[in-house]
């Protein structure tokens, strides 16, 4: 959703009071480049017992390295302004550094990005998109990846 934490909390409280039950999950955009839910939404969801199903975990492909050498002809970024907003030089510089970490760990960049999200106990699931079966197979492998505290600290230094 695009709601703020206080709006979600209000909706949960109203549902409990009037319906006798509450929503089970919140579905925000969340990825390495868009972390807006960490400060208020994640803690509120934990407090209210809501799971989080994150969408756009690969930032519309920006976190796949697909765009490191420019926008491929025929890709979604040739016509989507929303993706272009994520395709900044600063973000691409982060992706280059993150890609090096992924390589050091024997992971693909998408696997690193997905494992980084899945490490959070607040995350119930993620919604990924894939245009090829191989991408699905690659993405699923992220579910078993555990990132060390040192790796997480290195990632954090890149992302801030």
Protein backbone atom coordinates (compact mmCIF):
# COMPACT_ATOMS: atom_id res chain seq x y z
CA UNK A 1 0.00 0.00 0.00
CA UNK A 2 0.96 3.62 -0.10
CA UNK A 3 -0.38 4.39 3.36
CA UNK A 4 1.65 5.85 6.19
CA UNK A 5 2.08 3.91 9.44
CA UNK A 6 -0.57 5.90 11.32
CA UNK A 7 -3.10 5.28 8.54
CA UNK A 8 -2.43 1.55 8.58
CA UNK A 9 -2.64 1.49 12.36
CA UNK A 10 -5.97 3.34 12.24
CA UNK A 11 -7.36 0.89 9.69
CA UNK A 12 -6.27 -2.07 11.83
CA UNK A 13 -7.88 -0.57 14.94
CA UNK A 14 -11.15 0.19 13.11
CA UNK A 15 -11.28 -3.30 11.63
CA UNK A 16 -10.73 -4.88 15.05
CA UNK A 17 -13.39 -2.70 16.67
CA UNK A 18 -16.07 -2.87 13.98
CA UNK A 19 -15.47 -6.21 12.32
CA UNK A 20 -13.89 -8.25 15.08
CA UNK A 21 -10.83 -9.06 13.02
CA UNK A 22 -7.98 -7.21 11.40
CA UNK A 23 -5.95 -7.28 8.21
CA UNK A 24 -3.15 -9.84 8.24
CA UNK A 25 -0.53 -8.19 6.03
CA UNK A 26 0.67 -4.87 4.72
CA UNK A 27 1.99 -4.79 1.16
CA UNK A 28 4.50 -1.93 0.74
CA UNK A 29 7.28 -1.35 -1.74
CA UNK A 30 10.56 -2.32 -0.11
CA UNK A 31 14.04 -2.90 -1.46
CA UNK A 32 17.64 -1.84 -0.93
CA UNK A 33 16.98 1.48 -2.66
CA UNK A 34 13.59 2.19 -1.07
CA UNK A 35 13.70 1.63 2.68
CA UNK A 36 10.99 4.06 3.73
CA UNK A 37 9.07 1.43 5.71
CA UNK A 38 11.87 0.69 8.19
CA UNK A 39 11.33 3.59 10.59
CA UNK A 40 7.59 3.52 11.24
CA UNK A 41 5.74 0.90 9.20
CA UNK A 42 7.86 -2.13 10.19
CA UNK A 43 7.67 -1.44 13.94
CA UNK A 44 3.93 -0.72 13.75
CA UNK A 45 3.31 -3.94 11.80
CA UNK A 46 5.27 -5.92 14.39
CA UNK A 47 3.29 -4.28 17.21
CA UNK A 48 -0.08 -4.95 15.54
CA UNK A 49 0.78 -8.47 14.40
CA UNK A 50 0.78 -7.66 10.69
CA UNK A 51 3.05 -9.45 8.30
CA UNK A 52 4.73 -7.59 5.45
CA UNK A 53 4.64 -8.80 1.85
CA UNK A 54 7.14 -6.59 0.04
CA UNK A 55 6.72 -5.73 -3.62
CA UNK A 56 9.34 -4.38 -6.01
CA UNK A 57 12.17 -6.13 -4.15
CA UNK A 58 14.48 -5.69 -7.15
CA UNK A 59 13.49 -2.04 -7.72
CA UNK A 60 11.89 -2.79 -11.08
CA UNK A 61 15.09 -4.50 -12.24
CA UNK A 62 17.53 -1.81 -11.12
CA UNK A 63 18.96 -4.25 -8.54
CA UNK A 64 19.55 -6.95 -11.17
CA UNK A 65 22.49 -5.16 -12.87
CA UNK A 66 20.41 -5.08 -16.06
CA UNK A 67 20.82 -1.31 -16.31
CA UNK A 68 24.49 -0.89 -15.36
CA UNK A 69 25.54 -0.31 -18.96
CA UNK A 70 22.54 1.79 -19.92
CA UNK A 71 18.91 1.10 -20.74
CA UNK A 72 18.54 -1.95 -23.00
CA UNK A 73 16.38 -1.39 -26.07
CA UNK A 74 12.88 -2.72 -25.53
CA UNK A 75 13.21 -2.90 -21.75
CA UNK A 76 10.53 -1.52 -19.45
CA UNK A 77 12.80 1.42 -18.62
CA UNK A 78 12.50 2.72 -22.18
CA UNK A 79 8.92 3.78 -21.44
CA UNK A 80 8.43 3.79 -17.65
CA UNK A 81 9.14 7.06 -15.88
CA UNK A 82 8.85 5.28 -12.53
CA UNK A 83 11.85 3.05 -13.25
CA UNK A 84 13.82 5.99 -14.54
CA UNK A 85 13.37 7.66 -11.14
CA UNK A 86 15.35 4.77 -9.62
CA UNK A 87 17.95 4.83 -12.40
CA UNK A 88 20.10 7.56 -10.94
CA UNK A 89 23.88 7.58 -11.09
CA UNK A 90 23.96 7.38 -7.29
CA UNK A 91 21.79 4.24 -7.30
CA UNK A 92 23.77 2.64 -10.12
CA UNK A 93 26.99 3.31 -8.20
CA UNK A 94 25.46 1.49 -5.22
CA UNK A 95 24.42 -1.43 -7.44
CA UNK A 96 27.97 -1.73 -8.80
CA UNK A 97 29.37 -1.97 -5.26
CA UNK A 98 26.64 -4.37 -4.16
CA UNK A 99 27.26 -6.52 -7.23
CA UNK A 100 30.89 -6.91 -6.15
CA UNK A 101 29.74 -8.11 -2.71
CA UNK A 102 27.34 -10.56 -4.34
CA UNK A 103 30.17 -11.93 -6.46
CA UNK A 104 32.41 -12.34 -3.42
CA UNK A 105 29.63 -14.38 -1.78
CA UNK A 106 29.00 -16.50 -4.87
CA UNK A 107 25.57 -14.93 -5.33
CA UNK A 108 23.89 -13.10 -8.15
CA UNK A 109 22.85 -9.52 -7.51
CA UNK A 110 19.14 -10.46 -7.37
CA UNK A 111 19.92 -13.19 -4.83
CA UNK A 112 21.77 -10.69 -2.63
CA UNK A 113 18.96 -8.13 -2.88
CA UNK A 114 16.28 -10.70 -2.05
CA UNK A 115 18.28 -12.30 0.79
CA UNK A 116 18.82 -8.82 2.25
CA UNK A 117 15.04 -8.34 2.44
CA UNK A 118 14.25 -11.86 3.64
CA UNK A 119 16.64 -11.53 6.59
CA UNK A 120 14.14 -9.20 8.27
CA UNK A 121 11.79 -11.00 10.68
CA UNK A 122 9.04 -8.51 9.79
CA UNK A 123 8.98 -9.77 6.19
CA UNK A 124 6.49 -12.58 5.60
CA UNK A 125 7.08 -12.87 1.88
CA UNK A 126 8.13 -10.95 -1.20
CA UNK A 127 6.50 -10.50 -4.58
CA UNK A 128 8.93 -10.90 -7.43
CA UNK A 129 8.42 -10.78 -11.14
CA UNK A 130 10.28 -12.84 -13.67
CA UNK A 131 10.21 -12.99 -17.43
CA UNK A 132 12.02 -16.33 -17.65
CA UNK A 133 11.80 -19.59 -15.66
CA UNK A 134 15.54 -19.37 -14.91
CA UNK A 135 14.94 -16.10 -13.07
CA UNK A 136 12.41 -17.80 -10.80
CA UNK A 137 14.89 -20.60 -10.07
CA UNK A 138 17.61 -18.04 -9.33
CA UNK A 139 15.37 -15.96 -7.07
CA UNK A 140 14.20 -18.94 -5.01
CA UNK A 141 17.81 -19.68 -4.03
CA UNK A 142 17.87 -16.43 -2.05
CA UNK A 143 15.57 -17.97 0.56
CA UNK A 144 18.37 -20.07 2.02
CA UNK A 145 21.03 -17.36 2.09
CA UNK A 146 22.20 -16.06 5.46
CA UNK A 147 24.15 -12.82 5.41
CA UNK A 148 26.77 -12.33 8.12
CA UNK A 149 26.83 -9.26 10.33
CA UNK A 150 30.01 -8.12 8.57
CA UNK A 151 28.36 -8.39 5.15
CA UNK A 152 25.26 -6.57 6.40
CA UNK A 153 27.44 -3.79 7.80
CA UNK A 154 29.25 -3.48 4.47
CA UNK A 155 25.92 -3.33 2.62
CA UNK A 156 24.65 -0.69 5.04
CA UNK A 157 27.72 1.48 4.41
CA UNK A 158 26.95 1.36 0.69
CA UNK A 159 23.25 2.08 1.04
CA UNK A 160 23.40 5.09 3.35
